[in-house]
Amino acid sequence: MRKQLSLHLPIALFFLIFSLFGTWYEGSNILENSFEWGDSAPFSTLFHGPLTSEADIMQVDFFVYASKFYPFFPTVLLLSVLYLLTVLGVCTIEDRRRRILFFRIYTVCLLVVLAAVQLQHVDTKYYYTSCLFIGIGVNCLLSVRNNRRLAAMKG
């Protein structure tokens, strides 16, 4: 287990940091696009009221703007977080049955959260719809893989 952790954990952290900075950089374009402040800065509007200058925009709104207009790095960010949590879950859970249950609950919670976010932000529906399909695909792949392994262990 330690050998797997020493390989997968740095990979997951690298992609997480790389995509985090890429998303942050691309989202900083909101500062130049004042027409999008009302639609793409929900957190700043919530905490500061109507936006009047660039200084009112919070950093978290950079990620909302990037997921809306530049979805590549936010998608990589989401996948790297999913990958990191999966690696940590696999390494910490020793029992196979609990591991399978963990993956099922984990993917269902991820899909519910993404569906809730998609309902709130209509403008980013394509990004979140693709995330939902990625989550469904991951769940299907894990189901097939785990069923094959359990069948091989029994027979």
N, C-alpha and C. Protein backbone atom coordinates (compact mmCIF):
# COMPACT_ATOMS: atom_id res chain seq x y z
N MET A 1 0.82 -1.19 0.00
CA MET A 1 0.00 0.00 0.00
C MET A 1 0.87 1.26 0.00
N ARG A 2 1.98 1.23 0.68
CA ARG A 2 2.86 2.40 0.73
C ARG A 2 3.44 2.73 -0.64
N LYS A 3 3.77 1.69 -1.41
CA LYS A 3 4.33 1.91 -2.74
C LYS A 3 3.30 2.60 -3.64
N GLN A 4 2.05 2.18 -3.56
CA GLN A 4 1.00 2.81 -4.36
C GLN A 4 0.78 4.25 -3.92
N LEU A 5 0.81 4.49 -2.64
CA LEU A 5 0.60 5.84 -2.13
C LEU A 5 1.73 6.76 -2.57
N SER A 6 2.96 6.25 -2.56
CA SER A 6 4.10 7.08 -2.95
C SER A 6 4.10 7.41 -4.44
N LEU A 7 3.38 6.65 -5.24
CA LEU A 7 3.28 6.94 -6.67
C LEU A 7 2.07 7.82 -6.98
N HIS A 8 0.92 7.46 -6.47
CA HIS A 8 -0.32 8.14 -6.83
C HIS A 8 -0.52 9.48 -6.12
N LEU A 9 -0.09 9.60 -4.91
CA LEU A 9 -0.29 10.84 -4.17
C LEU A 9 0.44 12.03 -4.80
N PRO A 10 1.72 11.92 -5.17
CA PRO A 10 2.36 13.06 -5.84
C PRO A 10 1.73 13.41 -7.19
N ILE A 11 1.28 12.39 -7.92
CA ILE A 11 0.62 12.66 -9.20
C ILE A 11 -0.67 13.44 -8.97
N ALA A 12 -1.45 13.00 -7.99
CA ALA A 12 -2.71 13.69 -7.69
C ALA A 12 -2.45 15.12 -7.22
N LEU A 13 -1.46 15.31 -6.37
CA LEU A 13 -1.15 16.65 -5.88
C LEU A 13 -0.63 17.56 -6.99
N PHE A 14 0.17 17.01 -7.90
CA PHE A 14 0.69 17.81 -9.02
C PHE A 14 -0.47 18.31 -9.88
N PHE A 15 -1.37 17.41 -10.28
CA PHE A 15 -2.49 17.82 -11.12
C PHE A 15 -3.42 18.78 -10.38
N LEU A 16 -3.57 18.59 -9.09
CA LEU A 16 -4.40 19.48 -8.30
C LEU A 16 -3.83 20.90 -8.29
N ILE A 17 -2.55 21.03 -8.00
CA ILE A 17 -1.92 22.35 -7.93
C ILE A 17 -1.85 23.00 -9.32
N PHE A 18 -1.51 22.21 -10.34
CA PHE A 18 -1.42 22.72 -11.70
C PHE A 18 -2.78 23.24 -12.18
N SER A 19 -3.82 22.47 -11.97
CA SER A 19 -5.14 22.89 -12.43
C SER A 19 -5.71 24.01 -11.56
N LEU A 20 -5.34 24.04 -10.30
CA LEU A 20 -5.78 25.13 -9.43
C LEU A 20 -5.23 26.47 -9.91
N PHE A 21 -3.95 26.51 -10.20
CA PHE A 21 -3.35 27.76 -10.69
C PHE A 21 -3.85 28.11 -12.09
N GLY A 22 -4.06 27.09 -12.95
CA GLY A 22 -4.61 27.35 -14.28
C GLY A 22 -6.01 27.93 -14.22
N THR A 23 -6.84 27.38 -13.35
CA THR A 23 -8.20 27.88 -13.19
C THR A 23 -8.19 29.29 -12.62
N TRP A 24 -7.35 29.50 -11.65
CA TRP A 24 -7.25 30.82 -11.02
C TRP A 24 -6.79 31.88 -12.03
N TYR A 25 -5.81 31.52 -12.85
CA TYR A 25 -5.31 32.46 -13.85
C TYR A 25 -6.38 32.78 -14.89
N GLU A 26 -7.05 31.76 -15.41
CA GLU A 26 -8.07 32.00 -16.42
C GLU A 26 -9.27 32.74 -15.84
N GLY A 27 -9.59 32.48 -14.58
CA GLY A 27 -10.70 33.17 -13.95
C GLY A 27 -10.43 34.62 -13.64
N SER A 28 -9.15 35.00 -13.63
CA SER A 28 -8.83 36.40 -13.35
C SER A 28 -9.26 37.32 -14.48
N ASN A 29 -9.67 36.75 -15.60
CA ASN A 29 -10.18 37.58 -16.70
C ASN A 29 -11.50 38.27 -16.34
N ILE A 30 -12.13 37.86 -15.27
CA ILE A 30 -13.35 38.52 -14.84
C ILE A 30 -13.09 39.98 -14.45
N LEU A 31 -11.88 40.27 -14.04
CA LEU A 31 -11.55 41.65 -13.66
C LEU A 31 -11.65 42.60 -14.84
N GLU A 32 -11.39 42.10 -16.04
CA GLU A 32 -11.43 42.93 -17.23
C GLU A 32 -12.81 42.96 -17.88
N ASN A 33 -13.68 42.02 -17.53
CA ASN A 33 -14.98 41.89 -18.16
C ASN A 33 -16.07 42.33 -17.18
N SER A 34 -16.30 43.61 -17.11
CA SER A 34 -17.24 44.14 -16.12
C SER A 34 -18.69 43.79 -16.43
N PHE A 35 -18.98 43.40 -17.66
CA PHE A 35 -20.34 43.02 -18.00
C PHE A 35 -20.75 41.70 -17.36
N GLU A 36 -19.80 40.88 -16.97
CA GLU A 36 -20.08 39.59 -16.36
C GLU A 36 -20.09 39.63 -14.84
N TRP A 37 -19.83 40.74 -14.25
CA TRP A 37 -19.75 40.81 -12.79
C TRP A 37 -21.06 40.42 -12.13
N GLY A 38 -22.17 40.78 -12.70
CA GLY A 38 -23.45 40.45 -12.10
C GLY A 38 -23.79 38.97 -12.18
N ASP A 39 -23.39 38.31 -13.27
CA ASP A 39 -23.74 36.91 -13.47
C ASP A 39 -22.67 35.94 -13.00
N SER A 40 -21.41 36.32 -13.07
CA SER A 40 -20.32 35.39 -12.79
C SER A 40 -19.62 35.65 -11.47
N ALA A 41 -20.13 36.52 -10.65
CA ALA A 41 -19.53 36.79 -9.35
C ALA A 41 -20.59 36.66 -8.25
N PRO A 42 -21.14 35.45 -8.08
CA PRO A 42 -22.23 35.30 -7.10
C PRO A 42 -21.78 35.48 -5.65
N PHE A 43 -20.57 35.08 -5.33
CA PHE A 43 -20.10 35.19 -3.95
C PHE A 43 -19.82 36.65 -3.57
N SER A 44 -19.23 37.39 -4.48
CA SER A 44 -18.96 38.80 -4.22
C SER A 44 -20.26 39.58 -4.09
N THR A 45 -21.23 39.27 -4.94
CA THR A 45 -22.52 39.94 -4.86
C THR A 45 -23.23 39.60 -3.56
N LEU A 46 -23.08 38.36 -3.12
CA LEU A 46 -23.71 37.93 -1.88
C LEU A 46 -23.13 38.64 -0.66
N PHE A 47 -21.81 38.78 -0.62
CA PHE A 47 -21.15 39.35 0.55
C PHE A 47 -20.98 40.87 0.49
N HIS A 48 -20.79 41.43 -0.72
CA HIS A 48 -20.51 42.86 -0.85
C HIS A 48 -21.67 43.67 -1.41
N GLY A 49 -22.70 43.00 -1.91
CA GLY A 49 -23.79 43.71 -2.57
C GLY A 49 -23.42 43.98 -4.02
N PRO A 50 -24.03 44.98 -4.62
CA PRO A 50 -23.71 45.30 -6.02
C PRO A 50 -22.23 45.67 -6.18
N LEU A 51 -21.61 45.14 -7.24
CA LEU A 51 -20.18 45.36 -7.46
C LEU A 51 -19.97 46.69 -8.19
N THR A 52 -19.02 47.45 -7.70
CA THR A 52 -18.72 48.75 -8.31
C THR A 52 -17.30 48.83 -8.85
N SER A 53 -16.39 47.99 -8.31
CA SER A 53 -15.01 48.03 -8.79
C SER A 53 -14.41 46.63 -8.75
N GLU A 54 -13.23 46.51 -9.33
CA GLU A 54 -12.52 45.23 -9.35
C GLU A 54 -12.15 44.76 -7.95
N ALA A 55 -11.94 45.69 -7.04
CA ALA A 55 -11.53 45.35 -5.68
C ALA A 55 -12.63 44.62 -4.92
N ASP A 56 -13.87 44.74 -5.36
CA ASP A 56 -14.99 44.07 -4.69
C ASP A 56 -15.09 42.59 -5.02
N ILE A 57 -14.42 42.15 -6.06
CA ILE A 57 -14.53 40.75 -6.52
C ILE A 57 -13.66 39.85 -5.65
N MET A 58 -14.28 38.80 -5.12
CA MET A 58 -13.56 37.82 -4.29
C MET A 58 -12.84 36.80 -5.17
N GLN A 59 -11.80 36.18 -4.62
CA GLN A 59 -11.00 35.22 -5.37
C GLN A 59 -11.80 33.98 -5.78
N VAL A 60 -12.76 33.57 -4.97
CA VAL A 60 -13.53 32.37 -5.29
C VAL A 60 -14.36 32.58 -6.56
N ASP A 61 -14.71 33.81 -6.88
CA ASP A 61 -15.47 34.09 -8.10
C ASP A 61 -14.63 33.88 -9.35
N PHE A 62 -13.32 33.89 -9.21
CA PHE A 62 -12.46 33.56 -10.34
C PHE A 62 -12.74 32.13 -10.82
N PHE A 63 -12.99 31.24 -9.88
CA PHE A 63 -13.24 29.84 -10.24
C PHE A 63 -14.62 29.68 -10.89
N VAL A 64 -15.58 30.47 -10.45
CA VAL A 64 -16.91 30.43 -11.07
C VAL A 64 -16.82 30.95 -12.51
N TYR A 65 -16.10 32.03 -12.70
CA TYR A 65 -15.93 32.60 -14.04
C TYR A 65 -15.18 31.63 -14.96
N ALA A 66 -14.14 31.01 -14.43
CA ALA A 66 -13.36 30.08 -15.25
C ALA A 66 -14.19 28.86 -15.63
N SER A 67 -15.02 28.36 -14.72
CA SER A 67 -15.84 27.19 -15.06
C SER A 67 -16.91 27.54 -16.07
N LYS A 68 -17.24 28.80 -16.15
CA LYS A 68 -18.27 29.25 -17.08
C LYS A 68 -17.71 29.46 -18.49
N PHE A 69 -16.53 30.06 -18.60
CA PHE A 69 -16.00 30.44 -19.90
C PHE A 69 -14.78 29.64 -20.35
N TYR A 70 -14.03 29.07 -19.42
CA TYR A 70 -12.84 28.29 -19.74
C TYR A 70 -12.91 26.96 -18.98
N PRO A 71 -13.68 25.99 -19.42
CA PRO A 71 -13.96 24.81 -18.59
C PRO A 71 -12.85 23.75 -18.53
N PHE A 72 -11.77 23.90 -19.28
CA PHE A 72 -10.74 22.85 -19.28
C PHE A 72 -10.08 22.69 -17.92
N PHE A 73 -9.48 23.74 -17.39
CA PHE A 73 -8.79 23.64 -16.11
C PHE A 73 -9.73 23.35 -14.94
N PRO A 74 -10.94 23.93 -14.89
CA PRO A 74 -11.84 23.52 -13.82
C PRO A 74 -12.23 22.04 -13.87
N THR A 75 -12.33 21.48 -15.07
CA THR A 75 -12.62 20.06 -15.18
C THR A 75 -11.45 19.23 -14.68
N VAL A 76 -10.23 19.63 -15.05
CA VAL A 76 -9.04 18.93 -14.55
C VAL A 76 -8.94 19.08 -13.04
N LEU A 77 -9.31 20.25 -12.52
CA LEU A 77 -9.32 20.47 -11.07
C LEU A 77 -10.30 19.53 -10.39
N LEU A 78 -11.48 19.41 -10.92
CA LEU A 78 -12.48 18.52 -10.34
C LEU A 78 -12.02 17.06 -10.40
N LEU A 79 -11.46 16.66 -11.52
CA LEU A 79 -10.98 15.28 -11.64
C LEU A 79 -9.80 15.01 -10.71
N SER A 80 -8.92 16.00 -10.54
CA SER A 80 -7.78 15.78 -9.66
C SER A 80 -8.21 15.70 -8.19
N VAL A 81 -9.23 16.47 -7.80
CA VAL A 81 -9.75 16.35 -6.44
C VAL A 81 -10.40 14.98 -6.25
N LEU A 82 -11.16 14.55 -7.25
CA LEU A 82 -11.77 13.23 -7.21
C LEU A 82 -10.71 12.14 -7.11
N TYR A 83 -9.66 12.27 -7.90
CA TYR A 83 -8.56 11.30 -7.89
C TYR A 83 -7.83 11.29 -6.55
N LEU A 84 -7.57 12.47 -6.00
CA LEU A 84 -6.88 12.56 -4.71
C LEU A 84 -7.71 11.93 -3.60
N LEU A 85 -8.99 12.22 -3.57
CA LEU A 85 -9.85 11.63 -2.54
C LEU A 85 -9.98 10.12 -2.72
N THR A 86 -9.99 9.66 -3.96
CA THR A 86 -10.05 8.23 -4.21
C THR A 86 -8.78 7.54 -3.74
N VAL A 87 -7.63 8.12 -4.03
CA VAL A 87 -6.35 7.54 -3.59
C VAL A 87 -6.29 7.49 -2.07
N LEU A 88 -6.69 8.57 -1.43
CA LEU A 88 -6.67 8.58 0.04
C LEU A 88 -7.68 7.58 0.61
N GLY A 89 -8.82 7.44 -0.03
CA GLY A 89 -9.82 6.47 0.43
C GLY A 89 -9.35 5.04 0.28
N VAL A 90 -8.71 4.73 -0.84
CA VAL A 90 -8.21 3.38 -1.07
C VAL A 90 -7.09 3.04 -0.09
N CYS A 91 -6.24 4.00 0.19
CA CYS A 91 -5.11 3.73 1.07
C CYS A 91 -5.51 3.63 2.54
N THR A 92 -6.59 4.27 2.92
CA THR A 92 -6.97 4.24 4.33
C THR A 92 -7.93 3.10 4.65
N ILE A 93 -8.66 2.61 3.67
CA ILE A 93 -9.64 1.55 3.93
C ILE A 93 -9.04 0.22 3.51
N GLU A 94 -8.91 -0.69 4.44
CA GLU A 94 -8.28 -1.98 4.15
C GLU A 94 -9.28 -3.04 3.70
N ASP A 95 -10.48 -3.03 4.24
CA ASP A 95 -11.47 -4.04 3.93
C ASP A 95 -12.08 -3.77 2.56
N ARG A 96 -12.13 -4.78 1.69
CA ARG A 96 -12.65 -4.61 0.33
C ARG A 96 -14.13 -4.25 0.31
N ARG A 97 -14.91 -4.84 1.17
CA ARG A 97 -16.34 -4.53 1.18
C ARG A 97 -16.60 -3.09 1.59
N ARG A 98 -15.86 -2.62 2.56
CA ARG A 98 -16.01 -1.22 2.97
C ARG A 98 -15.51 -0.28 1.89
N ARG A 99 -14.47 -0.69 1.18
CA ARG A 99 -13.95 0.13 0.09
C ARG A 99 -15.00 0.29 -1.02
N ILE A 100 -15.66 -0.78 -1.36
CA ILE A 100 -16.70 -0.72 -2.39
C ILE A 100 -17.85 0.17 -1.93
N LEU A 101 -18.25 0.02 -0.68
CA LEU A 101 -19.30 0.86 -0.13
C LEU A 101 -18.88 2.33 -0.11
N PHE A 102 -17.62 2.58 0.23
CA PHE A 102 -17.09 3.94 0.21
C PHE A 102 -17.20 4.57 -1.17
N PHE A 103 -16.81 3.83 -2.21
CA PHE A 103 -16.89 4.35 -3.57
C PHE A 103 -18.32 4.63 -3.99
N ARG A 104 -19.23 3.76 -3.63
CA ARG A 104 -20.64 3.97 -4.00
C ARG A 104 -21.19 5.24 -3.33
N ILE A 105 -20.98 5.37 -2.05
CA ILE A 105 -21.49 6.55 -1.33
C ILE A 105 -20.79 7.81 -1.83
N TYR A 106 -19.50 7.71 -2.06
CA TYR A 106 -18.70 8.84 -2.52
C TYR A 106 -19.20 9.35 -3.87
N THR A 107 -19.39 8.47 -4.84
CA THR A 107 -19.82 8.92 -6.15
C THR A 107 -21.26 9.43 -6.14
N VAL A 108 -22.11 8.82 -5.35
CA VAL A 108 -23.49 9.30 -5.26
C VAL A 108 -23.52 10.70 -4.65
N CYS A 109 -22.74 10.94 -3.61
CA CYS A 109 -22.68 12.28 -3.01
C CYS A 109 -22.13 13.30 -4.00
N LEU A 110 -21.12 12.92 -4.75
CA LEU A 110 -20.56 13.82 -5.75
C LEU A 110 -21.60 14.18 -6.80
N LEU A 111 -22.35 13.21 -7.27
CA LEU A 111 -23.37 13.48 -8.28
C LEU A 111 -24.50 14.35 -7.73
N VAL A 112 -24.87 14.15 -6.49
CA VAL A 112 -25.93 14.97 -5.89
C VAL A 112 -25.45 16.42 -5.74
N VAL A 113 -24.23 16.61 -5.31
CA VAL A 113 -23.69 17.97 -5.16
C VAL A 113 -23.60 18.66 -6.52
N LEU A 114 -23.12 17.95 -7.52
CA LEU A 114 -23.01 18.56 -8.84
C LEU A 114 -24.38 18.87 -9.42
N ALA A 115 -25.36 18.02 -9.19
CA ALA A 115 -26.72 18.31 -9.67
C ALA A 115 -27.28 19.54 -8.97
N ALA A 116 -27.02 19.69 -7.69
CA ALA A 116 -27.51 20.86 -6.96
C ALA A 116 -26.84 22.14 -7.48
N VAL A 117 -25.55 22.08 -7.76
CA VAL A 117 -24.86 23.26 -8.29
C VAL A 117 -25.36 23.59 -9.69
N GLN A 118 -25.61 22.56 -10.48
CA GLN A 118 -26.10 22.77 -11.84
C GLN A 118 -27.45 23.47 -11.83
N LEU A 119 -28.30 23.15 -10.91
CA LEU A 119 -29.61 23.78 -10.84
C LEU A 119 -29.52 25.25 -10.46
N GLN A 120 -28.48 25.64 -9.74
CA GLN A 120 -28.34 27.03 -9.32
C GLN A 120 -27.71 27.91 -10.40
N HIS A 121 -26.80 27.36 -11.18
CA HIS A 121 -26.07 28.13 -12.19
C HIS A 121 -26.44 27.60 -13.57
N VAL A 122 -27.40 28.22 -14.18
CA VAL A 122 -27.87 27.76 -15.48
C VAL A 122 -26.81 28.01 -16.55
N ASP A 123 -26.02 29.05 -16.41
CA ASP A 123 -25.03 29.39 -17.43
C ASP A 123 -23.92 28.34 -17.55
N THR A 124 -23.67 27.60 -16.51
CA THR A 124 -22.60 26.61 -16.54
C THR A 124 -23.13 25.19 -16.70
N LYS A 125 -24.31 25.06 -17.30
CA LYS A 125 -24.94 23.74 -17.38
C LYS A 125 -24.13 22.74 -18.18
N TYR A 126 -23.41 23.16 -19.21
CA TYR A 126 -22.62 22.22 -20.00
C TYR A 126 -21.44 21.67 -19.20
N TYR A 127 -20.81 22.55 -18.44
CA TYR A 127 -19.68 22.12 -17.60
C TYR A 127 -20.14 21.10 -16.56
N TYR A 128 -21.20 21.42 -15.85
CA TYR A 128 -21.66 20.53 -14.79
C TYR A 128 -22.32 19.27 -15.34
N THR A 129 -22.93 19.36 -16.51
CA THR A 129 -23.47 18.15 -17.13
C THR A 129 -22.33 17.21 -17.50
N SER A 130 -21.24 17.76 -18.02
CA SER A 130 -20.09 16.89 -18.34
C SER A 130 -19.51 16.28 -17.07
N CYS A 131 -19.50 17.04 -15.97
CA CYS A 131 -19.03 16.49 -14.69
C CYS A 131 -19.93 15.37 -14.21
N LEU A 132 -21.23 15.51 -14.41
CA LEU A 132 -22.15 14.45 -14.02
C LEU A 132 -21.89 13.18 -14.82
N PHE A 133 -21.67 13.34 -16.13
CA PHE A 133 -21.38 12.17 -16.95
C PHE A 133 -20.04 11.54 -16.58
N ILE A 134 -19.07 12.35 -16.20
CA ILE A 134 -17.79 11.81 -15.74
C ILE A 134 -18.00 11.00 -14.46
N GLY A 135 -18.80 11.54 -13.55
CA GLY A 135 -19.09 10.81 -12.31
C GLY A 135 -19.83 9.51 -12.55
N ILE A 136 -20.77 9.53 -13.47
CA ILE A 136 -21.49 8.30 -13.81
C ILE A 136 -20.54 7.30 -14.45
N GLY A 137 -19.66 7.79 -15.31
CA GLY A 137 -18.69 6.89 -15.95
C GLY A 137 -17.73 6.27 -14.94
N VAL A 138 -17.26 7.08 -14.00
CA VAL A 138 -16.37 6.56 -12.95
C VAL A 138 -17.09 5.51 -12.12
N ASN A 139 -18.34 5.78 -11.79
CA ASN A 139 -19.12 4.82 -11.01
C ASN A 139 -19.30 3.51 -11.77
N CYS A 140 -19.60 3.59 -13.06
CA CYS A 140 -19.77 2.38 -13.87
C CYS A 140 -18.46 1.60 -13.98
N LEU A 141 -17.35 2.31 -14.21
CA LEU A 141 -16.06 1.63 -14.30
C LEU A 141 -15.69 0.94 -13.00
N LEU A 142 -15.94 1.61 -11.90
CA LEU A 142 -15.64 1.00 -10.60
C LEU A 142 -16.53 -0.21 -10.35
N SER A 143 -17.78 -0.14 -10.77
CA SER A 143 -18.69 -1.27 -10.58
C SER A 143 -18.20 -2.48 -11.36
N VAL A 144 -17.85 -2.28 -12.61
CA VAL A 144 -17.38 -3.38 -13.44
C VAL A 144 -16.08 -3.95 -12.89
N ARG A 145 -15.16 -3.09 -12.53
CA ARG A 145 -13.86 -3.54 -12.01
C ARG A 145 -14.00 -4.31 -10.71
N ASN A 146 -14.80 -3.78 -9.81
CA ASN A 146 -14.97 -4.46 -8.52
C ASN A 146 -15.74 -5.76 -8.67
N ASN A 147 -16.72 -5.81 -9.56
CA ASN A 147 -17.45 -7.05 -9.77
C ASN A 147 -16.56 -8.13 -10.37
N ARG A 148 -15.66 -7.75 -11.26
CA ARG A 148 -14.72 -8.72 -11.83
C ARG A 148 -13.77 -9.25 -10.77
N ARG A 149 -13.28 -8.37 -9.93
CA ARG A 149 -12.35 -8.79 -8.88
C ARG A 149 -13.05 -9.71 -7.87
N LEU A 150 -14.26 -9.36 -7.48
CA LEU A 150 -14.99 -10.21 -6.54
C LEU A 150 -15.32 -11.56 -7.14
N ALA A 151 -15.65 -11.57 -8.44
CA ALA A 151 -15.93 -12.85 -9.11
C ALA A 151 -14.68 -13.69 -9.20
N ALA A 152 -13.53 -13.08 -9.44
CA ALA A 152 -12.27 -13.80 -9.53
C ALA A 152 -11.87 -14.36 -8.16
N MET A 153 -12.20 -13.63 -7.10
CA MET A 153 -11.86 -14.10 -5.75
C MET A 153 -12.73 -15.28 -5.34
N LYS A 154 -14.00 -15.28 -5.78
CA LYS A 154 -14.90 -16.36 -5.44
C LYS A 154 -14.63 -17.61 -6.26
N GLY A 155 -14.29 -17.41 -7.53
CA GLY A 155 -14.15 -18.57 -8.42
C GLY A 155 -12.78 -18.84 -8.77
